Amino acid sequence: MYCAAFIFEPGTYDERFHALDALIEEAAHATPGYLGAETWRSPDGTRSNATYFWDNQEALRAFSVHPKHLEAKRQYTQWYKGFHIVISQVLRSYGDGTIAHITPNERAREAGQAA
């Protein structure tokens, strides 16, 4: 499993941004191997992160060269103050089993076990 974290500082969004953003989201969902996404925003609102999860690296690569994604990349300075992307391989994912997540919970929940 792989994830691509798109960390960015938002700028000004216009109608073209929202239309293209929706098309990119559709492209991600339509790419075989797409598992889901999570987003967060820093407490001060100056930085955001959209992390997309992929079943395999080929799926991530396929999305990265989708025409609508490439179009957005060419125009990013219109809508973002800056960005940074981190591509990671998920080596392990676990928790106490109470929170559902895109990644599998690899730790079996044992009765009485502390989190």
PDB file of N, CA and C in Angstrom:
ATOM      1  N   MET A   1       0.840  -1.163   0.000  1.00  0.00           N
ATOM      2  CA  MET A   1       0.000   0.000   0.000  1.00  0.00           C
ATOM      3  C   MET A   1       0.893   1.237   0.000  1.00  0.00           C
ATOM      4  N   TYR A   2       0.442   2.272  -0.714  1.00  0.00           N
ATOM      5  CA  TYR A   2       1.177   3.520  -0.824  1.00  0.00           C
ATOM      6  C   TYR A   2       0.260   4.681  -0.493  1.00  0.00           C
ATOM      7  N   CYS A   3       0.862   5.770  -0.061  1.00  0.00           N
ATOM      8  CA  CYS A   3       0.080   6.987   0.124  1.00  0.00           C
ATOM      9  C   CYS A   3       0.849   8.160  -0.466  1.00  0.00           C
ATOM     10  N   ALA A   4       0.090   9.115  -0.952  1.00  0.00           N
ATOM     11  CA  ALA A   4       0.645  10.344  -1.492  1.00  0.00           C
ATOM     12  C   ALA A   4       0.042  11.490  -0.701  1.00  0.00           C
ATOM     13  N   ALA A   5       0.872  12.175   0.057  1.00  0.00           N
ATOM     14  CA  ALA A   5       0.420  13.310   0.856  1.00  0.00           C
ATOM     15  C   ALA A   5       0.691  14.586   0.067  1.00  0.00           C
ATOM     16  N   PHE A   6      -0.369  15.312  -0.235  1.00  0.00           N
ATOM     17  CA  PHE A   6      -0.281  16.592  -0.932  1.00  0.00           C
ATOM     18  C   PHE A   6      -0.462  17.670   0.130  1.00  0.00           C
ATOM     19  N   ILE A   7       0.647  18.270   0.524  1.00  0.00           N
ATOM     20  CA  ILE A   7       0.653  19.296   1.561  1.00  0.00           C
ATOM     21  C   ILE A   7       0.737  20.641   0.843  1.00  0.00           C
ATOM     22  N   PHE A   8      -0.167  21.558   1.185  1.00  0.00           N
ATOM     23  CA  PHE A   8      -0.201  22.800   0.417  1.00  0.00           C
ATOM     24  C   PHE A   8      -0.653  23.981   1.270  1.00  0.00           C
ATOM     25  N   GLU A   9      -0.299  25.155   0.785  1.00  0.00           N
ATOM     26  CA  GLU A   9      -0.787  26.393   1.364  1.00  0.00           C
ATOM     27  C   GLU A   9      -1.805  26.964   0.396  1.00  0.00           C
ATOM     28  N   PRO A  10      -3.071  27.017   0.839  1.00  0.00           N
ATOM     29  CA  PRO A  10      -4.136  27.480  -0.047  1.00  0.00           C
ATOM     30  C   PRO A  10      -3.959  28.938  -0.457  1.00  0.00           C
ATOM     31  N   GLY A  11      -4.414  29.205  -1.657  1.00  0.00           N
ATOM     32  CA  GLY A  11      -4.465  30.570  -2.159  1.00  0.00           C
ATOM     33  C   GLY A  11      -5.916  30.946  -2.368  1.00  0.00           C
ATOM     34  N   THR A  12      -6.225  31.483  -3.537  1.00  0.00           N
ATOM     35  CA  THR A  12      -7.587  31.873  -3.871  1.00  0.00           C
ATOM     36  C   THR A  12      -8.154  30.883  -4.884  1.00  0.00           C
ATOM     37  N   TYR A  13      -9.314  30.342  -4.574  1.00  0.00           N
ATOM     38  CA  TYR A  13      -9.955  29.376  -5.456  1.00  0.00           C
ATOM     39  C   TYR A  13     -11.051  30.071  -6.268  1.00  0.00           C
ATOM     40  N   ASP A  14     -11.115  29.719  -7.547  1.00  0.00           N
ATOM     41  CA  ASP A  14     -12.153  30.252  -8.421  1.00  0.00           C
ATOM     42  C   ASP A  14     -13.000  29.101  -8.962  1.00  0.00           C
ATOM     43  N   GLU A  15     -13.933  29.416  -9.834  1.00  0.00           N
ATOM     44  CA  GLU A  15     -14.819  28.387 -10.395  1.00  0.00           C
ATOM     45  C   GLU A  15     -14.024  27.325 -11.151  1.00  0.00           C
ATOM     46  N   ARG A  16     -13.007  27.729 -11.882  1.00  0.00           N
ATOM     47  CA  ARG A  16     -12.182  26.776 -12.640  1.00  0.00           C
ATOM     48  C   ARG A  16     -11.495  25.798 -11.690  1.00  0.00           C
ATOM     49  N   PHE A  17     -10.998  26.286 -10.563  1.00  0.00           N
ATOM     50  CA  PHE A  17     -10.374  25.407  -9.582  1.00  0.00           C
ATOM     51  C   PHE A  17     -11.371  24.354  -9.101  1.00  0.00           C
ATOM     52  N   HIS A  18     -12.541  24.782  -8.691  1.00  0.00           N
ATOM     53  CA  HIS A  18     -13.526  23.847  -8.145  1.00  0.00           C
ATOM     54  C   HIS A  18     -13.949  22.805  -9.182  1.00  0.00           C
ATOM     55  N   ALA A  19     -14.097  23.231 -10.430  1.00  0.00           N
ATOM     56  CA  ALA A  19     -14.464  22.292 -11.499  1.00  0.00           C
ATOM     57  C   ALA A  19     -13.343  21.282 -11.734  1.00  0.00           C
ATOM     58  N   LEU A  20     -12.120  21.749 -11.822  1.00  0.00           N
ATOM     59  CA  LEU A  20     -10.978  20.872 -12.050  1.00  0.00           C
ATOM     60  C   LEU A  20     -10.741  19.968 -10.846  1.00  0.00           C
ATOM     61  N   ASP A  21     -10.912  20.493  -9.652  1.00  0.00           N
ATOM     62  CA  ASP A  21     -10.751  19.701  -8.431  1.00  0.00           C
ATOM     63  C   ASP A  21     -11.750  18.538  -8.409  1.00  0.00           C
ATOM     64  N   ALA A  22     -12.978  18.802  -8.816  1.00  0.00           N
ATOM     65  CA  ALA A  22     -13.988  17.743  -8.866  1.00  0.00           C
ATOM     66  C   ALA A  22     -13.617  16.680  -9.898  1.00  0.00           C
ATOM     67  N   LEU A  23     -13.076  17.083 -11.039  1.00  0.00           N
ATOM     68  CA  LEU A  23     -12.660  16.131 -12.072  1.00  0.00           C
ATOM     69  C   LEU A  23     -11.477  15.284 -11.597  1.00  0.00           C
ATOM     70  N   ILE A  24     -10.573  15.902 -10.871  1.00  0.00           N
ATOM     71  CA  ILE A  24      -9.424  15.169 -10.333  1.00  0.00           C
ATOM     72  C   ILE A  24      -9.900  14.141  -9.310  1.00  0.00           C
ATOM     73  N   GLU A  25     -10.842  14.537  -8.478  1.00  0.00           N
ATOM     74  CA  GLU A  25     -11.388  13.615  -7.481  1.00  0.00           C
ATOM     75  C   GLU A  25     -12.065  12.425  -8.174  1.00  0.00           C
ATOM     76  N   GLU A  26     -12.816  12.703  -9.225  1.00  0.00           N
ATOM     77  CA  GLU A  26     -13.439  11.626 -10.012  1.00  0.00           C
ATOM     78  C   GLU A  26     -12.380  10.703 -10.602  1.00  0.00           C
ATOM     79  N   ALA A  27     -11.305  11.283 -11.125  1.00  0.00           N
ATOM     80  CA  ALA A  27     -10.223  10.488 -11.721  1.00  0.00           C
ATOM     81  C   ALA A  27      -9.578   9.591 -10.678  1.00  0.00           C
ATOM     82  N   ALA A  28      -9.357  10.110  -9.482  1.00  0.00           N
ATOM     83  CA  ALA A  28      -8.766   9.301  -8.411  1.00  0.00           C
ATOM     84  C   ALA A  28      -9.678   8.118  -8.097  1.00  0.00           C
ATOM     85  N   HIS A  29     -10.961   8.388  -7.896  1.00  0.00           N
ATOM     86  CA  HIS A  29     -11.922   7.321  -7.563  1.00  0.00           C
ATOM     87  C   HIS A  29     -12.022   6.289  -8.677  1.00  0.00           C
ATOM     88  N   ALA A  30     -11.851   6.705  -9.907  1.00  0.00           N
ATOM     89  CA  ALA A  30     -11.980   5.799 -11.053  1.00  0.00           C
ATOM     90  C   ALA A  30     -10.713   4.996 -11.329  1.00  0.00           C
ATOM     91  N   THR A  31      -9.609   5.339 -10.688  1.00  0.00           N
ATOM     92  CA  THR A  31      -8.347   4.640 -10.912  1.00  0.00           C
ATOM     93  C   THR A  31      -8.344   3.329 -10.134  1.00  0.00           C
ATOM     94  N   PRO A  32      -8.222   2.196 -10.838  1.00  0.00           N
ATOM     95  CA  PRO A  32      -8.140   0.915 -10.117  1.00  0.00           C
ATOM     96  C   PRO A  32      -6.965   0.946  -9.134  1.00  0.00           C
ATOM     97  N   GLY A  33      -7.234   0.564  -7.892  1.00  0.00           N
ATOM     98  CA  GLY A  33      -6.206   0.595  -6.862  1.00  0.00           C
ATOM     99  C   GLY A  33      -6.342   1.764  -5.905  1.00  0.00           C
ATOM    100  N   TYR A  34      -7.255   2.698  -6.189  1.00  0.00           N
ATOM    101  CA  TYR A  34      -7.513   3.816  -5.270  1.00  0.00           C
ATOM    102  C   TYR A  34      -8.273   3.292  -4.062  1.00  0.00           C
ATOM    103  N   LEU A  35      -7.809   3.643  -2.865  1.00  0.00           N
ATOM    104  CA  LEU A  35      -8.441   3.140  -1.641  1.00  0.00           C
ATOM    105  C   LEU A  35      -9.209   4.197  -0.867  1.00  0.00           C
ATOM    106  N   GLY A  36      -8.826   5.451  -0.995  1.00  0.00           N
ATOM    107  CA  GLY A  36      -9.506   6.512  -0.267  1.00  0.00           C
ATOM    108  C   GLY A  36      -8.567   7.656   0.047  1.00  0.00           C
ATOM    109  N   ALA A  37      -9.100   8.648   0.759  1.00  0.00           N
ATOM    110  CA  ALA A  37      -8.313   9.833   1.084  1.00  0.00           C
ATOM    111  C   ALA A  37      -8.723  10.388   2.437  1.00  0.00           C
ATOM    112  N   GLU A  38      -7.805  11.140   3.027  1.00  0.00           N
ATOM    113  CA  GLU A  38      -8.048  11.865   4.268  1.00  0.00           C
ATOM    114  C   GLU A  38      -7.512  13.282   4.086  1.00  0.00           C
ATOM    115  N   THR A  39      -8.127  14.221   4.751  1.00  0.00           N
ATOM    116  CA  THR A  39      -7.642  15.603   4.688  1.00  0.00           C
ATOM    117  C   THR A  39      -7.578  16.196   6.083  1.00  0.00           C
ATOM    118  N   TRP A  40      -6.709  17.141   6.264  1.00  0.00           N
ATOM    119  CA  TRP A  40      -6.640  17.917   7.489  1.00  0.00           C
ATOM    120  C   TRP A  40      -6.155  19.318   7.167  1.00  0.00           C
ATOM    121  N   ARG A  41      -6.396  20.207   8.095  1.00  0.00           N
ATOM    122  CA  ARG A  41      -5.952  21.595   7.965  1.00  0.00           C
ATOM    123  C   ARG A  41      -5.269  21.989   9.273  1.00  0.00           C
ATOM    124  N   SER A  42      -4.180  22.733   9.172  1.00  0.00           N
ATOM    125  CA  SER A  42      -3.475  23.169  10.376  1.00  0.00           C
ATOM    126  C   SER A  42      -4.405  24.061  11.205  1.00  0.00           C
ATOM    127  N   PRO A  43      -4.190  24.103  12.521  1.00  0.00           N
ATOM    128  CA  PRO A  43      -5.062  24.910  13.382  1.00  0.00           C
ATOM    129  C   PRO A  43      -5.164  26.380  12.966  1.00  0.00           C
ATOM    130  N   ASP A  44      -4.088  26.929  12.411  1.00  0.00           N
ATOM    131  CA  ASP A  44      -4.132  28.330  11.996  1.00  0.00           C
ATOM    132  C   ASP A  44      -4.661  28.513  10.576  1.00  0.00           C
ATOM    133  N   GLY A  45      -4.960  27.399   9.882  1.00  0.00           N
ATOM    134  CA  GLY A  45      -5.555  27.468   8.551  1.00  0.00           C
ATOM    135  C   GLY A  45      -4.601  27.788   7.428  1.00  0.00           C
ATOM    136  N   THR A  46      -3.308  27.859   7.708  1.00  0.00           N
ATOM    137  CA  THR A  46      -2.357  28.245   6.663  1.00  0.00           C
ATOM    138  C   THR A  46      -1.862  27.075   5.827  1.00  0.00           C
ATOM    139  N   ARG A  47      -2.064  25.851   6.301  1.00  0.00           N
ATOM    140  CA  ARG A  47      -1.557  24.686   5.580  1.00  0.00           C
ATOM    141  C   ARG A  47      -2.605  23.574   5.611  1.00  0.00           C
ATOM    142  N   SER A  48      -2.721  22.870   4.484  1.00  0.00           N
ATOM    143  CA  SER A  48      -3.654  21.748   4.368  1.00  0.00           C
ATOM    144  C   SER A  48      -2.913  20.524   3.874  1.00  0.00           C
ATOM    145  N   ASN A  49      -3.529  19.364   4.068  1.00  0.00           N
ATOM    146  CA  ASN A  49      -2.956  18.106   3.602  1.00  0.00           C
ATOM    147  C   ASN A  49      -4.082  17.224   3.094  1.00  0.00           C
ATOM    148  N   ALA A  50      -3.912  16.708   1.907  1.00  0.00           N
ATOM    149  CA  ALA A  50      -4.817  15.698   1.353  1.00  0.00           C
ATOM    150  C   ALA A  50      -3.961  14.467   1.094  1.00  0.00           C
ATOM    151  N   THR A  51      -4.216  13.402   1.831  1.00  0.00           N
ATOM    152  CA  THR A  51      -3.449  12.170   1.686  1.00  0.00           C
ATOM    153  C   THR A  51      -4.310  11.135   0.990  1.00  0.00           C
ATOM    154  N   TYR A  52      -3.826  10.646  -0.140  1.00  0.00           N
ATOM    155  CA  TYR A  52      -4.523   9.647  -0.944  1.00  0.00           C
ATOM    156  C   TYR A  52      -3.844   8.301  -0.752  1.00  0.00           C
ATOM    157  N   PHE A  53      -4.646   7.257  -0.597  1.00  0.00           N
ATOM    158  CA  PHE A  53      -4.128   5.914  -0.366  1.00  0.00           C
ATOM    159  C   PHE A  53      -4.361   5.050  -1.605  1.00  0.00           C
ATOM    160  N   TRP A  54      -3.342   4.268  -1.958  1.00  0.00           N
ATOM    161  CA  TRP A  54      -3.351   3.457  -3.167  1.00  0.00           C
ATOM    162  C   TRP A  54      -2.946   2.026  -2.834  1.00  0.00           C
ATOM    163  N   ASP A  55      -3.569   1.088  -3.503  1.00  0.00           N
ATOM    164  CA  ASP A  55      -3.289  -0.335  -3.298  1.00  0.00           C
ATOM    165  C   ASP A  55      -1.875  -0.709  -3.733  1.00  0.00           C
ATOM    166  N   ASN A  56      -1.372  -0.018  -4.755  1.00  0.00           N
ATOM    167  CA  ASN A  56      -0.050  -0.349  -5.288  1.00  0.00           C
ATOM    168  C   ASN A  56       0.556   0.886  -5.950  1.00  0.00           C
ATOM    169  N   GLN A  57       1.835   0.814  -6.197  1.00  0.00           N
ATOM    170  CA  GLN A  57       2.555   1.956  -6.763  1.00  0.00           C
ATOM    171  C   GLN A  57       2.122   2.244  -8.205  1.00  0.00           C
ATOM    172  N   GLU A  58       1.772   1.223  -8.949  1.00  0.00           N
ATOM    173  CA  GLU A  58       1.334   1.424 -10.332  1.00  0.00           C
ATOM    174  C   GLU A  58       0.043   2.247 -10.387  1.00  0.00           C
ATOM    175  N   ALA A  59      -0.860   2.014  -9.437  1.00  0.00           N
ATOM    176  CA  ALA A  59      -2.106   2.790  -9.378  1.00  0.00           C
ATOM    177  C   ALA A  59      -1.800   4.257  -9.096  1.00  0.00           C
ATOM    178  N   LEU A  60      -0.901   4.497  -8.180  1.00  0.00           N
ATOM    179  CA  LEU A  60      -0.494   5.867  -7.867  1.00  0.00           C
ATOM    180  C   LEU A  60       0.123   6.534  -9.090  1.00  0.00           C
ATOM    181  N   ARG A  61       0.985   5.804  -9.783  1.00  0.00           N
ATOM    182  CA  ARG A  61       1.601   6.357 -11.009  1.00  0.00           C
ATOM    183  C   ARG A  61       0.550   6.650 -12.067  1.00  0.00           C
ATOM    184  N   ALA A  62      -0.421   5.740 -12.229  1.00  0.00           N
ATOM    185  CA  ALA A  62      -1.482   5.939 -13.227  1.00  0.00           C
ATOM    186  C   ALA A  62      -2.245   7.226 -12.933  1.00  0.00           C
ATOM    187  N   PHE A  63      -2.566   7.452 -11.679  1.00  0.00           N
ATOM    188  CA  PHE A  63      -3.272   8.684 -11.318  1.00  0.00           C
ATOM    189  C   PHE A  63      -2.390   9.905 -11.564  1.00  0.00           C
ATOM    190  N   SER A  64      -1.109   9.798 -11.263  1.00  0.00           N
ATOM    191  CA  SER A  64      -0.216  10.954 -11.387  1.00  0.00           C
ATOM    192  C   SER A  64      -0.079  11.451 -12.821  1.00  0.00           C
ATOM    193  N   VAL A  65      -0.363  10.593 -13.805  1.00  0.00           N
ATOM    194  CA  VAL A  65      -0.267  11.014 -15.210  1.00  0.00           C
ATOM    195  C   VAL A  65      -1.640  11.169 -15.873  1.00  0.00           C
ATOM    196  N   HIS A  66      -2.698  11.147 -15.067  1.00  0.00           N
ATOM    197  CA  HIS A  66      -4.037  11.369 -15.624  1.00  0.00           C
ATOM    198  C   HIS A  66      -4.082  12.789 -16.213  1.00  0.00           C
ATOM    199  N   PRO A  67      -4.679  12.971 -17.389  1.00  0.00           N
ATOM    200  CA  PRO A  67      -4.684  14.292 -18.044  1.00  0.00           C
ATOM    201  C   PRO A  67      -5.215  15.435 -17.176  1.00  0.00           C
ATOM    202  N   LYS A  68      -6.271  15.214 -16.412  1.00  0.00           N
ATOM    203  CA  LYS A  68      -6.814  16.286 -15.565  1.00  0.00           C
ATOM    204  C   LYS A  68      -5.867  16.610 -14.415  1.00  0.00           C
ATOM    205  N   HIS A  69      -5.196  15.598 -13.900  1.00  0.00           N
ATOM    206  CA  HIS A  69      -4.214  15.832 -12.845  1.00  0.00           C
ATOM    207  C   HIS A  69      -3.033  16.632 -13.398  1.00  0.00           C
ATOM    208  N   LEU A  70      -2.577  16.275 -14.585  1.00  0.00           N
ATOM    209  CA  LEU A  70      -1.473  17.015 -15.209  1.00  0.00           C
ATOM    210  C   LEU A  70      -1.869  18.457 -15.501  1.00  0.00           C
ATOM    211  N   GLU A  71      -3.117  18.662 -15.923  1.00  0.00           N
ATOM    212  CA  GLU A  71      -3.613  20.016 -16.183  1.00  0.00           C
ATOM    213  C   GLU A  71      -3.575  20.853 -14.901  1.00  0.00           C
ATOM    214  N   ALA A  72      -4.016  20.263 -13.813  1.00  0.00           N
ATOM    215  CA  ALA A  72      -4.002  20.978 -12.533  1.00  0.00           C
ATOM    216  C   ALA A  72      -2.576  21.301 -12.106  1.00  0.00           C
ATOM    217  N   LYS A  73      -1.662  20.359 -12.298  1.00  0.00           N
ATOM    218  CA  LYS A  73      -0.263  20.596 -11.929  1.00  0.00           C
ATOM    219  C   LYS A  73       0.301  21.802 -12.673  1.00  0.00           C
ATOM    220  N   ARG A  74      -0.053  21.928 -13.946  1.00  0.00           N
ATOM    221  CA  ARG A  74       0.468  23.042 -14.754  1.00  0.00           C
ATOM    222  C   ARG A  74      -0.052  24.389 -14.269  1.00  0.00           C
ATOM    223  N   GLN A  75      -1.209  24.392 -13.612  1.00  0.00           N
ATOM    224  CA  GLN A  75      -1.855  25.649 -13.230  1.00  0.00           C
ATOM    225  C   GLN A  75      -1.830  25.929 -11.726  1.00  0.00           C
ATOM    226  N   TYR A  76      -1.081  25.146 -10.971  1.00  0.00           N
ATOM    227  CA  TYR A  76      -1.180  25.227  -9.511  1.00  0.00           C
ATOM    228  C   TYR A  76      -0.904  26.619  -8.947  1.00  0.00           C
ATOM    229  N   THR A  77      -0.043  27.406  -9.595  1.00  0.00           N
ATOM    230  CA  THR A  77       0.300  28.720  -9.037  1.00  0.00           C
ATOM    231  C   THR A  77      -0.896  29.671  -9.006  1.00  0.00           C
ATOM    232  N   GLN A  78      -1.936  29.355  -9.763  1.00  0.00           N
ATOM    233  CA  GLN A  78      -3.148  30.183  -9.736  1.00  0.00           C
ATOM    234  C   GLN A  78      -3.922  30.005  -8.433  1.00  0.00           C
ATOM    235  N   TRP A  79      -3.761  28.838  -7.792  1.00  0.00           N
ATOM    236  CA  TRP A  79      -4.624  28.500  -6.654  1.00  0.00           C
ATOM    237  C   TRP A  79      -3.890  28.184  -5.359  1.00  0.00           C
ATOM    238  N   TYR A  80      -2.596  27.917  -5.422  1.00  0.00           N
ATOM    239  CA  TYR A  80      -1.839  27.555  -4.232  1.00  0.00           C
ATOM    240  C   TYR A  80      -0.655  28.492  -4.055  1.00  0.00           C
ATOM    241  N   LYS A  81      -0.329  28.761  -2.806  1.00  0.00           N
ATOM    242  CA  LYS A  81       0.859  29.563  -2.502  1.00  0.00           C
ATOM    243  C   LYS A  81       2.111  28.711  -2.569  1.00  0.00           C
ATOM    244  N   GLY A  82       1.947  27.402  -2.412  1.00  0.00           N
ATOM    245  CA  GLY A  82       3.060  26.470  -2.478  1.00  0.00           C
ATOM    246  C   GLY A  82       2.592  25.075  -2.116  1.00  0.00           C
ATOM    247  N   PHE A  83       3.416  24.075  -2.428  1.00  0.00           N
ATOM    248  CA  PHE A  83       3.039  22.697  -2.111  1.00  0.00           C
ATOM    249  C   PHE A  83       4.273  21.841  -1.882  1.00  0.00           C
ATOM    250  N   HIS A  84       4.037  20.691  -1.280  1.00  0.00           N
ATOM    251  CA  HIS A  84       5.058  19.671  -1.057  1.00  0.00           C
ATOM    252  C   HIS A  84       4.353  18.326  -1.096  1.00  0.00           C
ATOM    253  N   ILE A  85       4.936  17.356  -1.784  1.00  0.00           N
ATOM    254  CA  ILE A  85       4.328  16.033  -1.907  1.00  0.00           C
ATOM    255  C   ILE A  85       5.252  14.998  -1.288  1.00  0.00           C
ATOM    256  N   VAL A  86       4.667  14.097  -0.512  1.00  0.00           N
ATOM    257  CA  VAL A  86       5.410  13.003   0.101  1.00  0.00           C
ATOM    258  C   VAL A  86       4.757  11.700  -0.349  1.00  0.00           C
ATOM    259  N   ILE A  87       5.534  10.842  -1.014  1.00  0.00           N
ATOM    260  CA  ILE A  87       5.062   9.526  -1.426  1.00  0.00           C
ATOM    261  C   ILE A  87       5.654   8.518  -0.447  1.00  0.00           C
ATOM    262  N   SER A  88       4.805   7.710   0.153  1.00  0.00           N
ATOM    263  CA  SER A  88       5.261   6.768   1.172  1.00  0.00           C
ATOM    264  C   SER A  88       4.680   5.382   0.940  1.00  0.00           C
ATOM    265  N   GLN A  89       5.432   4.389   1.338  1.00  0.00           N
ATOM    266  CA  GLN A  89       4.918   3.028   1.366  1.00  0.00           C
ATOM    267  C   GLN A  89       4.478   2.755   2.798  1.00  0.00           C
ATOM    268  N   VAL A  90       3.263   2.245   2.949  1.00  0.00           N
ATOM    269  CA  VAL A  90       2.755   1.935   4.275  1.00  0.00           C
ATOM    270  C   VAL A  90       3.365   0.608   4.708  1.00  0.00           C
ATOM    271  N   LEU A  91       4.162   0.653   5.743  1.00  0.00           N
ATOM    272  CA  LEU A  91       4.821  -0.546   6.238  1.00  0.00           C
ATOM    273  C   LEU A  91       3.999  -1.244   7.308  1.00  0.00           C
ATOM    274  N   ARG A  92       3.269  -0.473   8.064  1.00  0.00           N
ATOM    275  CA  ARG A  92       2.486  -1.043   9.154  1.00  0.00           C
ATOM    276  C   ARG A  92       1.334  -0.101   9.470  1.00  0.00           C
ATOM    277  N   SER A  93       0.222  -0.674   9.880  1.00  0.00           N
ATOM    278  CA  SER A  93      -0.931   0.112  10.282  1.00  0.00           C
ATOM    279  C   SER A  93      -1.655  -0.654  11.382  1.00  0.00           C
ATOM    280  N   TYR A  94      -1.880   0.007  12.506  1.00  0.00           N
ATOM    281  CA  TYR A  94      -2.559  -0.687  13.596  1.00  0.00           C
ATOM    282  C   TYR A  94      -3.174   0.314  14.558  1.00  0.00           C
ATOM    283  N   GLY A  95      -4.042  -0.184  15.380  1.00  0.00           N
ATOM    284  CA  GLY A  95      -4.676   0.632  16.405  1.00  0.00           C
ATOM    285  C   GLY A  95      -5.407  -0.271  17.369  1.00  0.00           C
ATOM    286  N   ASP A  96      -6.282   0.315  18.168  1.00  0.00           N
ATOM    287  CA  ASP A  96      -7.005  -0.493  19.143  1.00  0.00           C
ATOM    288  C   ASP A  96      -8.292  -1.074  18.579  1.00  0.00           C
ATOM    289  N   GLY A  97      -8.555  -0.813  17.297  1.00  0.00           N
ATOM    290  CA  GLY A  97      -9.726  -1.379  16.635  1.00  0.00           C
ATOM    291  C   GLY A  97     -10.984  -0.549  16.756  1.00  0.00           C
ATOM    292  N   THR A  98     -10.937   0.570  17.444  1.00  0.00           N
ATOM    293  CA  THR A  98     -12.146   1.375  17.619  1.00  0.00           C
ATOM    294  C   THR A  98     -12.338   2.426  16.531  1.00  0.00           C
ATOM    295  N   ILE A  99     -11.290   2.720  15.775  1.00  0.00           N
ATOM    296  CA  ILE A  99     -11.379   3.726  14.716  1.00  0.00           C
ATOM    297  C   ILE A  99     -11.202   3.043  13.365  1.00  0.00           C
ATOM    298  N   ALA A 100     -12.192   3.161  12.519  1.00  0.00           N
ATOM    299  CA  ALA A 100     -12.078   2.626  11.158  1.00  0.00           C
ATOM    300  C   ALA A 100     -11.110   3.505  10.369  1.00  0.00           C
ATOM    301  N   HIS A 101     -10.312   2.866   9.533  1.00  0.00           N
ATOM    302  CA  HIS A 101      -9.340   3.609   8.736  1.00  0.00           C
ATOM    303  C   HIS A 101      -9.165   2.932   7.389  1.00  0.00           C
ATOM    304  N   ILE A 102      -8.674   3.680   6.427  1.00  0.00           N
ATOM    305  CA  ILE A 102      -8.433   3.176   5.074  1.00  0.00           C
ATOM    306  C   ILE A 102      -7.427   2.039   5.095  1.00  0.00           C
ATOM    307  N   THR A 103      -6.407   2.179   5.932  1.00  0.00           N
ATOM    308  CA  THR A 103      -5.375   1.149   6.015  1.00  0.00           C
ATOM    309  C   THR A 103      -5.849   0.026   6.932  1.00  0.00           C
ATOM    310  N   PRO A 104      -5.407  -1.193   6.687  1.00  0.00           N
ATOM    311  CA  PRO A 104      -5.861  -2.312   7.524  1.00  0.00           C
ATOM    312  C   PRO A 104      -5.259  -2.263   8.921  1.00  0.00           C
ATOM    313  N   ASN A 105      -6.015  -2.737   9.899  1.00  0.00           N
ATOM    314  CA  ASN A 105      -5.519  -2.817  11.269  1.00  0.00           C
ATOM    315  C   ASN A 105      -4.824  -4.160  11.413  1.00  0.00           C
ATOM    316  N   GLU A 106      -3.500  -4.132  11.478  1.00  0.00           N
ATOM    317  CA  GLU A 106      -2.712  -5.361  11.502  1.00  0.00           C
ATOM    318  C   GLU A 106      -2.540  -5.947  12.897  1.00  0.00           C
ATOM    319  N   ARG A 107      -3.022  -5.270  13.899  1.00  0.00           N
ATOM    320  CA  ARG A 107      -2.883  -5.754  15.274  1.00  0.00           C
ATOM    321  C   ARG A 107      -4.251  -6.271  15.750  1.00  0.00           C
ATOM    322  N   ALA A 108      -4.276  -7.526  16.103  1.00  0.00           N
ATOM    323  CA  ALA A 108      -5.517  -8.083  16.611  1.00  0.00           C
ATOM    324  C   ALA A 108      -5.812  -7.469  17.982  1.00  0.00           C
ATOM    325  N   ARG A 109      -7.052  -7.108  18.188  1.00  0.00           N
ATOM    326  CA  ARG A 109      -7.430  -6.513  19.468  1.00  0.00           C
ATOM    327  C   ARG A 109      -7.611  -7.631  20.508  1.00  0.00           C
ATOM    328  N   GLU A 110      -6.847  -7.536  21.552  1.00  0.00           N
ATOM    329  CA  GLU A 110      -6.922  -8.528  22.608  1.00  0.00           C
ATOM    330  C   GLU A 110      -7.690  -7.956  23.794  1.00  0.00           C
ATOM    331  N   ALA A 111      -8.539  -8.738  24.351  1.00  0.00           N
ATOM    332  CA  ALA A 111      -9.334  -8.294  25.499  1.00  0.00           C
ATOM    333  C   ALA A 111      -8.420  -7.855  26.634  1.00  0.00           C
ATOM    334  N   GLY A 112      -8.666  -6.655  27.138  1.00  0.00           N
ATOM    335  CA  GLY A 112      -7.901  -6.161  28.258  1.00  0.00           C
ATOM    336  C   GLY A 112      -6.564  -5.548  27.894  1.00  0.00           C
ATOM    337  N   GLN A 113      -6.194  -5.538  26.620  1.00  0.00           N
ATOM    338  CA  GLN A 113      -4.892  -4.986  26.221  1.00  0.00           C
ATOM    339  C   GLN A 113      -4.965  -3.472  26.225  1.00  0.00           C
ATOM    340  N   ALA A 114      -3.975  -2.830  26.766  1.00  0.00           N
ATOM    341  CA  ALA A 114      -3.908  -1.372  26.767  1.00  0.00           C
ATOM    342  C   ALA A 114      -3.533  -0.894  25.384  1.00  0.00           C
ATOM    343  N   ALA A 115      -4.051   0.241  24.983  1.00  0.00           N
ATOM    344  CA  ALA A 115      -3.777   0.798  23.653  1.00  0.00           C
ATOM    345  C   ALA A 115      -2.373   1.348  23.584  1.00  0.00           C
TER     346      ALA A 115
END
